[in-house]
Amino acid sequence: MIDMSRDQLASAAGIAPRTLADFESGARKPLKNNLLAIQAALEAAGIVFIEANGGGVGVRLKD
């Protein structure tokens, strides 16, 4: 959606690329502070997280 690489996301979130890869593969479970940092980095890049609204949770780009 935003053409962001794993390395770019990891850098923006302040975590190691290997850590992010481990989260993606299920090798490690992220701590809440990691999830919040990843979410903040994605939101800063233009992603909006959508709460459950009858259609389920999701993401979209900012207007």
Foldseek 3Di string as FASTA:
>chain_A
DLPADLCRLCVQLVHHSVVSVCCVVVVDPDDPSSVVSSVVSVVVSFKDWAPDDPVHTDIDGHD
